[in-house]
């Protein structure tokens, strides 16, 4: 059976840290679906979803086992529709763990076969934060070193 993982997030923007998790995840999974969700807690995106889809597809254009999708539903339901039995998540710190643990528990309750797999972010990317990158970009700072593509 094909091991399909969903890597969900708002990816506003998709960073080198995210790229690192996906590439490392390829050693575990046969296919990874990068799923850009419309998060009800985040009403306004900074970067357009279509732009992020394009940039992520460009980043992984040499990998047929990586797909990019958007969704506006429960992550567990989206995973079920795509036969994904795993959620791939990156952890930068203990705060991320606390948050992700709660989500993993509810997703497992909603869709019992959905297993969360956590990868610790590589040290060189652990401090990269999408919120900070948005702020730097907003004030015309150079964010190229934090992103696996050019804007």
N, C-alpha and C. Protein backbone atom coordinates (compact mmCIF):
# COMPACT_ATOMS: atom_id res chain seq x y z
N UNK A 1 0.84 -1.18 0.00
CA UNK A 1 0.00 0.00 0.00
C UNK A 1 0.89 1.25 0.00
N UNK A 2 0.50 2.20 -0.79
CA UNK A 2 1.25 3.45 -0.92
C UNK A 2 1.12 4.28 0.37
N UNK A 3 2.25 4.75 0.88
CA UNK A 3 2.25 5.59 2.09
C UNK A 3 2.13 7.06 1.64
N UNK A 4 0.93 7.61 1.85
CA UNK A 4 0.66 9.00 1.45
C UNK A 4 0.56 9.84 2.71
N UNK A 5 1.31 10.95 2.71
CA UNK A 5 1.28 11.88 3.84
C UNK A 5 0.75 13.22 3.37
N UNK A 6 -0.01 13.84 4.23
CA UNK A 6 -0.50 15.19 4.01
C UNK A 6 0.37 16.12 4.86
N UNK A 7 0.91 17.16 4.25
CA UNK A 7 1.67 18.18 4.97
C UNK A 7 0.82 19.45 4.94
N UNK A 8 -0.06 19.61 5.94
CA UNK A 8 -0.99 20.74 5.91
C UNK A 8 -0.42 21.99 6.57
N UNK A 9 -0.88 23.13 6.11
CA UNK A 9 -0.50 24.40 6.73
C UNK A 9 -1.04 25.56 5.93
N UNK A 10 -0.88 26.76 6.48
CA UNK A 10 -1.29 27.95 5.73
C UNK A 10 -0.18 28.38 4.77
N UNK A 11 1.06 28.06 5.11
CA UNK A 11 2.21 28.34 4.25
C UNK A 11 2.15 29.76 3.69
N UNK A 12 2.15 30.70 4.60
CA UNK A 12 2.02 32.13 4.26
C UNK A 12 3.21 32.91 4.81
N UNK A 13 4.41 32.67 4.26
CA UNK A 13 4.78 31.92 3.07
C UNK A 13 5.35 30.54 3.41
N UNK A 14 5.60 29.76 2.36
CA UNK A 14 6.28 28.47 2.45
C UNK A 14 7.77 28.77 2.56
N UNK A 15 8.41 28.26 3.61
CA UNK A 15 9.79 28.62 3.92
C UNK A 15 10.78 27.48 3.64
N UNK A 16 12.05 27.78 3.81
CA UNK A 16 13.07 26.74 3.70
C UNK A 16 12.89 25.68 4.79
N UNK A 17 12.36 26.07 5.93
CA UNK A 17 12.06 25.10 6.98
C UNK A 17 11.00 24.11 6.53
N UNK A 18 9.96 24.61 5.86
CA UNK A 18 8.93 23.73 5.31
C UNK A 18 9.52 22.81 4.25
N UNK A 19 10.34 23.37 3.38
CA UNK A 19 10.99 22.58 2.34
C UNK A 19 11.81 21.44 2.95
N UNK A 20 12.54 21.74 4.00
CA UNK A 20 13.36 20.76 4.70
C UNK A 20 12.51 19.59 5.20
N UNK A 21 11.37 19.89 5.80
CA UNK A 21 10.49 18.84 6.31
C UNK A 21 9.97 17.96 5.17
N UNK A 22 9.57 18.58 4.07
CA UNK A 22 9.06 17.81 2.93
C UNK A 22 10.14 16.90 2.36
N UNK A 23 11.33 17.43 2.14
CA UNK A 23 12.40 16.62 1.56
C UNK A 23 12.80 15.47 2.48
N UNK A 24 12.84 15.71 3.76
CA UNK A 24 13.14 14.64 4.72
C UNK A 24 12.00 13.64 4.80
N UNK A 25 10.77 14.13 4.63
CA UNK A 25 9.60 13.26 4.64
C UNK A 25 9.59 12.28 3.48
N UNK A 26 10.25 12.63 2.38
CA UNK A 26 10.31 11.73 1.23
C UNK A 26 11.06 10.43 1.54
N UNK A 27 11.87 10.44 2.59
CA UNK A 27 12.57 9.23 3.01
C UNK A 27 11.63 8.27 3.75
N UNK A 28 10.48 8.79 4.15
CA UNK A 28 9.52 8.00 4.93
C UNK A 28 8.28 7.63 4.10
N UNK A 29 7.85 8.57 3.25
CA UNK A 29 6.59 8.41 2.53
C UNK A 29 6.80 8.27 1.03
N UNK A 30 5.86 7.60 0.37
CA UNK A 30 5.90 7.43 -1.08
C UNK A 30 5.41 8.69 -1.79
N UNK A 31 4.47 9.38 -1.15
CA UNK A 31 3.90 10.59 -1.75
C UNK A 31 3.60 11.59 -0.63
N UNK A 32 3.85 12.85 -0.91
CA UNK A 32 3.51 13.91 0.04
C UNK A 32 2.63 14.93 -0.67
N UNK A 33 1.50 15.22 -0.05
CA UNK A 33 0.61 16.27 -0.55
C UNK A 33 0.78 17.48 0.35
N UNK A 34 1.32 18.54 -0.21
CA UNK A 34 1.43 19.80 0.52
C UNK A 34 0.06 20.46 0.38
N UNK A 35 -0.63 20.59 1.49
CA UNK A 35 -2.03 21.04 1.49
C UNK A 35 -2.13 22.42 2.12
N UNK A 36 -2.42 23.41 1.30
CA UNK A 36 -2.56 24.77 1.80
C UNK A 36 -4.01 24.97 2.22
N UNK A 37 -4.20 25.10 3.53
CA UNK A 37 -5.54 25.22 4.07
C UNK A 37 -5.95 26.66 4.28
N UNK A 38 -7.24 26.85 4.20
CA UNK A 38 -7.82 28.14 4.54
C UNK A 38 -8.16 28.07 6.02
N UNK A 39 -7.33 28.64 6.85
CA UNK A 39 -7.46 28.57 8.30
C UNK A 39 -8.43 29.64 8.78
N UNK A 40 -9.52 29.21 9.44
CA UNK A 40 -10.53 30.17 9.91
C UNK A 40 -9.98 31.12 10.97
N UNK A 41 -8.90 30.74 11.64
CA UNK A 41 -8.29 31.61 12.66
C UNK A 41 -7.40 32.68 12.04
N UNK A 42 -7.09 32.52 10.75
CA UNK A 42 -6.24 33.48 10.04
C UNK A 42 -7.06 34.06 8.90
N UNK A 43 -7.71 35.18 9.17
CA UNK A 43 -8.68 35.72 8.21
C UNK A 43 -8.03 36.33 6.97
N UNK A 44 -6.88 36.93 7.12
CA UNK A 44 -6.25 37.59 5.98
C UNK A 44 -4.88 36.99 5.69
N UNK A 45 -4.70 36.54 4.48
CA UNK A 45 -3.38 36.05 4.06
C UNK A 45 -2.55 37.24 3.60
N UNK A 46 -1.27 37.12 3.76
CA UNK A 46 -0.35 38.14 3.25
C UNK A 46 0.01 37.82 1.80
N UNK A 47 0.39 36.57 1.55
CA UNK A 47 0.71 36.13 0.21
C UNK A 47 -0.49 35.38 -0.37
N UNK A 48 -0.80 35.66 -1.61
CA UNK A 48 -1.92 35.04 -2.30
C UNK A 48 -1.72 33.52 -2.38
N UNK A 49 -2.79 32.78 -2.16
CA UNK A 49 -2.74 31.31 -2.19
C UNK A 49 -2.25 30.82 -3.55
N UNK A 50 -2.75 31.41 -4.62
CA UNK A 50 -2.35 30.97 -5.97
C UNK A 50 -0.84 31.17 -6.18
N UNK A 51 -0.31 32.26 -5.66
CA UNK A 51 1.13 32.49 -5.75
C UNK A 51 1.90 31.42 -4.99
N UNK A 52 1.43 31.07 -3.78
CA UNK A 52 2.12 30.05 -3.00
C UNK A 52 2.06 28.69 -3.69
N UNK A 53 0.92 28.34 -4.27
CA UNK A 53 0.80 27.07 -5.00
C UNK A 53 1.83 27.05 -6.12
N UNK A 54 1.90 28.12 -6.88
CA UNK A 54 2.84 28.21 -7.99
C UNK A 54 4.29 28.09 -7.52
N UNK A 55 4.63 28.81 -6.46
CA UNK A 55 6.01 28.80 -5.96
C UNK A 55 6.40 27.45 -5.36
N UNK A 56 5.46 26.80 -4.68
CA UNK A 56 5.75 25.48 -4.11
C UNK A 56 5.90 24.45 -5.23
N UNK A 57 5.02 24.51 -6.22
CA UNK A 57 5.13 23.60 -7.36
C UNK A 57 6.47 23.80 -8.08
N UNK A 58 6.86 25.04 -8.22
CA UNK A 58 8.15 25.36 -8.84
C UNK A 58 9.31 24.77 -8.02
N UNK A 59 9.22 24.89 -6.71
CA UNK A 59 10.27 24.40 -5.81
C UNK A 59 10.46 22.90 -5.95
N UNK A 60 9.37 22.16 -6.12
CA UNK A 60 9.43 20.71 -6.16
C UNK A 60 9.15 20.14 -7.55
N UNK A 61 9.41 20.91 -8.57
CA UNK A 61 9.08 20.50 -9.95
C UNK A 61 9.78 19.20 -10.37
N UNK A 62 10.88 18.87 -9.74
CA UNK A 62 11.62 17.65 -10.10
C UNK A 62 11.15 16.41 -9.31
N UNK A 63 10.14 16.57 -8.48
CA UNK A 63 9.66 15.48 -7.63
C UNK A 63 8.22 15.13 -7.99
N UNK A 64 8.05 14.02 -8.70
CA UNK A 64 6.69 13.61 -9.09
C UNK A 64 5.88 13.11 -7.89
N UNK A 65 6.56 12.80 -6.79
CA UNK A 65 5.87 12.29 -5.61
C UNK A 65 5.40 13.39 -4.67
N UNK A 66 5.58 14.65 -5.06
CA UNK A 66 5.12 15.78 -4.25
C UNK A 66 4.05 16.53 -5.04
N UNK A 67 2.91 16.70 -4.41
CA UNK A 67 1.79 17.43 -5.03
C UNK A 67 1.42 18.61 -4.14
N UNK A 68 0.78 19.59 -4.73
CA UNK A 68 0.33 20.77 -3.99
C UNK A 68 -1.16 20.94 -4.23
N UNK A 69 -1.91 21.07 -3.14
CA UNK A 69 -3.37 21.22 -3.23
C UNK A 69 -3.81 22.31 -2.24
N UNK A 70 -5.00 22.83 -2.46
CA UNK A 70 -5.61 23.74 -1.49
C UNK A 70 -6.88 23.07 -0.96
N UNK A 71 -7.27 23.49 0.24
CA UNK A 71 -8.50 22.92 0.81
C UNK A 71 -9.12 23.88 1.82
N UNK A 72 -10.42 23.73 2.00
CA UNK A 72 -11.18 24.54 2.96
C UNK A 72 -12.17 23.62 3.67
N UNK A 73 -11.62 22.71 4.45
CA UNK A 73 -12.42 21.75 5.22
C UNK A 73 -11.54 21.23 6.34
N UNK A 74 -12.06 20.33 7.12
CA UNK A 74 -11.24 19.73 8.16
C UNK A 74 -10.09 18.97 7.53
N UNK A 75 -8.92 19.12 8.11
CA UNK A 75 -7.74 18.44 7.59
C UNK A 75 -7.94 16.93 7.54
N UNK A 76 -8.54 16.37 8.57
CA UNK A 76 -8.78 14.92 8.61
C UNK A 76 -9.67 14.48 7.45
N UNK A 77 -10.66 15.26 7.12
CA UNK A 77 -11.56 14.93 6.02
C UNK A 77 -10.83 15.02 4.68
N UNK A 78 -10.02 16.06 4.52
CA UNK A 78 -9.23 16.22 3.30
C UNK A 78 -8.26 15.04 3.14
N UNK A 79 -7.64 14.63 4.23
CA UNK A 79 -6.73 13.48 4.20
C UNK A 79 -7.48 12.23 3.76
N UNK A 80 -8.66 12.01 4.32
CA UNK A 80 -9.45 10.84 3.96
C UNK A 80 -9.76 10.81 2.47
N UNK A 81 -10.11 11.95 1.91
CA UNK A 81 -10.45 12.04 0.48
C UNK A 81 -9.26 11.70 -0.42
N UNK A 82 -8.06 11.89 0.11
CA UNK A 82 -6.84 11.64 -0.67
C UNK A 82 -6.11 10.36 -0.25
N UNK A 83 -6.79 9.54 0.56
CA UNK A 83 -6.21 8.29 1.05
C UNK A 83 -4.90 8.49 1.80
N UNK A 84 -4.73 9.65 2.39
CA UNK A 84 -3.53 9.92 3.20
C UNK A 84 -3.76 9.37 4.60
N UNK A 85 -2.90 8.51 5.03
CA UNK A 85 -3.01 7.90 6.36
C UNK A 85 -2.10 8.59 7.37
N UNK A 86 -1.32 9.58 6.89
CA UNK A 86 -0.35 10.25 7.76
C UNK A 86 -0.42 11.76 7.58
N UNK A 87 -0.22 12.45 8.69
CA UNK A 87 -0.02 13.90 8.67
C UNK A 87 1.44 14.13 8.98
N UNK A 88 2.11 14.85 8.13
CA UNK A 88 3.51 15.20 8.35
C UNK A 88 3.56 16.60 8.93
N UNK A 89 4.28 16.75 10.05
CA UNK A 89 4.37 18.05 10.71
C UNK A 89 5.80 18.29 11.17
N UNK A 90 6.21 19.54 11.13
CA UNK A 90 7.53 19.91 11.63
C UNK A 90 7.40 20.57 12.99
N UNK A 91 8.35 20.29 13.85
CA UNK A 91 8.36 20.87 15.20
C UNK A 91 9.64 21.67 15.38
N UNK A 92 9.48 22.97 15.70
CA UNK A 92 10.64 23.82 15.96
C UNK A 92 11.02 23.85 17.43
N UNK A 93 10.01 23.70 18.28
CA UNK A 93 10.23 23.86 19.72
C UNK A 93 9.10 23.20 20.51
N UNK A 94 9.16 23.33 21.83
CA UNK A 94 8.15 22.70 22.68
C UNK A 94 6.78 23.36 22.52
N UNK A 95 6.75 24.63 22.19
CA UNK A 95 5.47 25.31 21.96
C UNK A 95 4.78 24.68 20.75
N UNK A 96 5.54 24.42 19.69
CA UNK A 96 4.97 23.74 18.52
C UNK A 96 4.44 22.36 18.91
N UNK A 97 5.19 21.64 19.76
CA UNK A 97 4.76 20.31 20.16
C UNK A 97 3.42 20.36 20.88
N UNK A 98 3.27 21.28 21.81
CA UNK A 98 2.00 21.38 22.57
C UNK A 98 0.82 21.61 21.62
N UNK A 99 1.00 22.53 20.69
CA UNK A 99 -0.05 22.86 19.72
C UNK A 99 -0.34 21.66 18.82
N UNK A 100 0.71 21.08 18.25
CA UNK A 100 0.55 19.97 17.32
C UNK A 100 0.01 18.72 17.99
N UNK A 101 0.37 18.49 19.23
CA UNK A 101 -0.14 17.34 19.96
C UNK A 101 -1.65 17.40 20.09
N UNK A 102 -2.18 18.57 20.42
CA UNK A 102 -3.64 18.74 20.53
C UNK A 102 -4.32 18.47 19.20
N UNK A 103 -3.76 18.99 18.13
CA UNK A 103 -4.34 18.78 16.80
C UNK A 103 -4.27 17.30 16.42
N UNK A 104 -3.14 16.67 16.71
CA UNK A 104 -2.98 15.25 16.39
C UNK A 104 -4.03 14.41 17.10
N UNK A 105 -4.31 14.74 18.34
CA UNK A 105 -5.30 13.97 19.10
C UNK A 105 -6.70 14.11 18.50
N UNK A 106 -7.08 15.32 18.14
CA UNK A 106 -8.42 15.52 17.58
C UNK A 106 -8.53 14.88 16.20
N UNK A 107 -7.46 14.99 15.40
CA UNK A 107 -7.49 14.36 14.08
C UNK A 107 -7.58 12.84 14.19
N UNK A 108 -6.91 12.28 15.15
CA UNK A 108 -6.96 10.82 15.35
C UNK A 108 -8.37 10.40 15.78
N UNK A 109 -9.00 11.25 16.58
CA UNK A 109 -10.37 10.96 17.04
C UNK A 109 -11.35 11.04 15.86
N UNK A 110 -11.18 12.05 15.01
CA UNK A 110 -12.07 12.24 13.86
C UNK A 110 -11.85 11.18 12.79
N UNK A 111 -10.61 10.74 12.64
CA UNK A 111 -10.26 9.81 11.57
C UNK A 111 -9.21 8.87 12.12
N UNK A 112 -9.67 7.82 12.78
CA UNK A 112 -8.83 6.92 13.55
C UNK A 112 -7.56 6.43 12.90
N UNK A 113 -7.55 6.25 11.59
CA UNK A 113 -6.37 5.73 10.91
C UNK A 113 -5.35 6.82 10.58
N UNK A 114 -5.64 8.06 10.91
CA UNK A 114 -4.76 9.17 10.57
C UNK A 114 -3.69 9.33 11.65
N UNK A 115 -2.46 9.03 11.28
CA UNK A 115 -1.33 9.06 12.21
C UNK A 115 -0.49 10.31 11.96
N UNK A 116 -0.20 11.07 13.00
CA UNK A 116 0.66 12.25 12.87
C UNK A 116 2.12 11.83 13.04
N UNK A 117 2.95 12.30 12.13
CA UNK A 117 4.38 12.03 12.17
C UNK A 117 5.10 13.37 12.30
N UNK A 118 5.87 13.51 13.36
CA UNK A 118 6.55 14.77 13.64
C UNK A 118 8.04 14.64 13.33
N UNK A 119 8.54 15.61 12.58
CA UNK A 119 9.98 15.70 12.35
C UNK A 119 10.48 16.96 13.04
N UNK A 120 11.58 16.83 13.74
CA UNK A 120 12.19 17.99 14.38
C UNK A 120 12.86 18.82 13.29
N UNK A 121 12.57 20.09 13.26
CA UNK A 121 13.15 20.97 12.26
C UNK A 121 14.67 20.99 12.39
N UNK A 122 15.35 20.95 11.27
CA UNK A 122 16.81 21.04 11.27
C UNK A 122 17.23 22.35 11.92
N UNK A 123 18.30 22.32 12.72
CA UNK A 123 18.71 23.51 13.49
C UNK A 123 18.88 24.78 12.66
N UNK A 124 19.38 24.64 11.44
CA UNK A 124 19.61 25.84 10.62
C UNK A 124 18.32 26.52 10.17
N UNK A 125 17.18 25.83 10.35
CA UNK A 125 15.88 26.41 9.95
C UNK A 125 14.93 26.61 11.13
N UNK A 126 15.29 26.16 12.30
CA UNK A 126 14.37 26.14 13.45
C UNK A 126 13.88 27.52 13.85
N UNK A 127 14.62 28.52 13.58
CA UNK A 127 14.24 29.88 14.00
C UNK A 127 13.41 30.60 12.93
N UNK A 128 13.30 30.02 11.74
CA UNK A 128 12.53 30.68 10.67
C UNK A 128 11.05 30.58 10.98
N UNK A 129 10.38 31.72 10.90
CA UNK A 129 8.98 31.83 11.27
C UNK A 129 8.26 32.63 10.18
N UNK A 130 7.17 32.09 9.65
CA UNK A 130 6.44 32.77 8.58
C UNK A 130 5.97 34.16 8.97
N UNK A 131 5.55 34.33 10.22
CA UNK A 131 5.07 35.65 10.68
C UNK A 131 6.18 36.69 10.59
N UNK A 132 7.37 36.31 11.00
CA UNK A 132 8.50 37.25 10.95
C UNK A 132 8.87 37.54 9.50
N UNK A 133 8.84 36.52 8.66
CA UNK A 133 9.16 36.73 7.24
C UNK A 133 8.16 37.69 6.60
N UNK A 134 6.89 37.55 6.92
CA UNK A 134 5.88 38.47 6.39
C UNK A 134 6.19 39.90 6.82
N UNK A 135 6.57 40.07 8.07
CA UNK A 135 6.87 41.41 8.60
C UNK A 135 8.08 42.02 7.89
N UNK A 136 9.11 41.22 7.72
CA UNK A 136 10.31 41.70 7.02
C UNK A 136 9.95 42.09 5.59
N UNK A 137 9.19 41.24 4.91
CA UNK A 137 8.78 41.52 3.52
C UNK A 137 7.91 42.77 3.44
N UNK A 138 7.01 42.92 4.37
CA UNK A 138 6.10 44.07 4.39
C UNK A 138 6.87 45.39 4.40
N UNK A 139 7.99 45.41 5.11
CA UNK A 139 8.79 46.62 5.21
C UNK A 139 9.99 46.60 4.28
N UNK A 140 9.83 45.84 3.17
CA UNK A 140 10.80 45.83 2.06
C UNK A 140 12.15 45.22 2.41
N UNK A 141 12.20 44.37 3.44
CA UNK A 141 13.43 43.67 3.76
C UNK A 141 13.65 42.49 2.81
N UNK A 142 14.86 42.04 2.71
CA UNK A 142 15.22 40.93 1.83
C UNK A 142 14.92 39.60 2.52
N UNK A 143 14.00 38.84 1.97
CA UNK A 143 13.61 37.56 2.56
C UNK A 143 14.11 36.36 1.75
N UNK A 144 14.91 36.61 0.73
CA UNK A 144 15.33 35.53 -0.17
C UNK A 144 16.06 34.41 0.55
N UNK A 145 16.81 34.71 1.58
CA UNK A 145 17.56 33.66 2.28
C UNK A 145 16.67 32.71 3.09
N UNK A 146 15.41 33.07 3.29
CA UNK A 146 14.50 32.27 4.09
C UNK A 146 13.55 31.42 3.25
N UNK A 147 13.51 31.66 1.93
CA UNK A 147 12.56 31.02 1.05
C UNK A 147 13.27 30.17 0.00
N UNK A 148 12.70 29.04 -0.40
CA UNK A 148 13.33 28.20 -1.41
C UNK A 148 13.01 28.63 -2.85
N UNK A 149 12.49 29.81 -3.03
CA UNK A 149 12.10 30.36 -4.34
C UNK A 149 12.27 31.88 -4.24
N UNK A 150 12.15 32.55 -5.36
CA UNK A 150 12.20 34.01 -5.35
C UNK A 150 10.80 34.56 -5.55
N UNK A 151 10.54 35.67 -4.92
CA UNK A 151 9.23 36.32 -5.04
C UNK A 151 9.26 37.34 -6.16
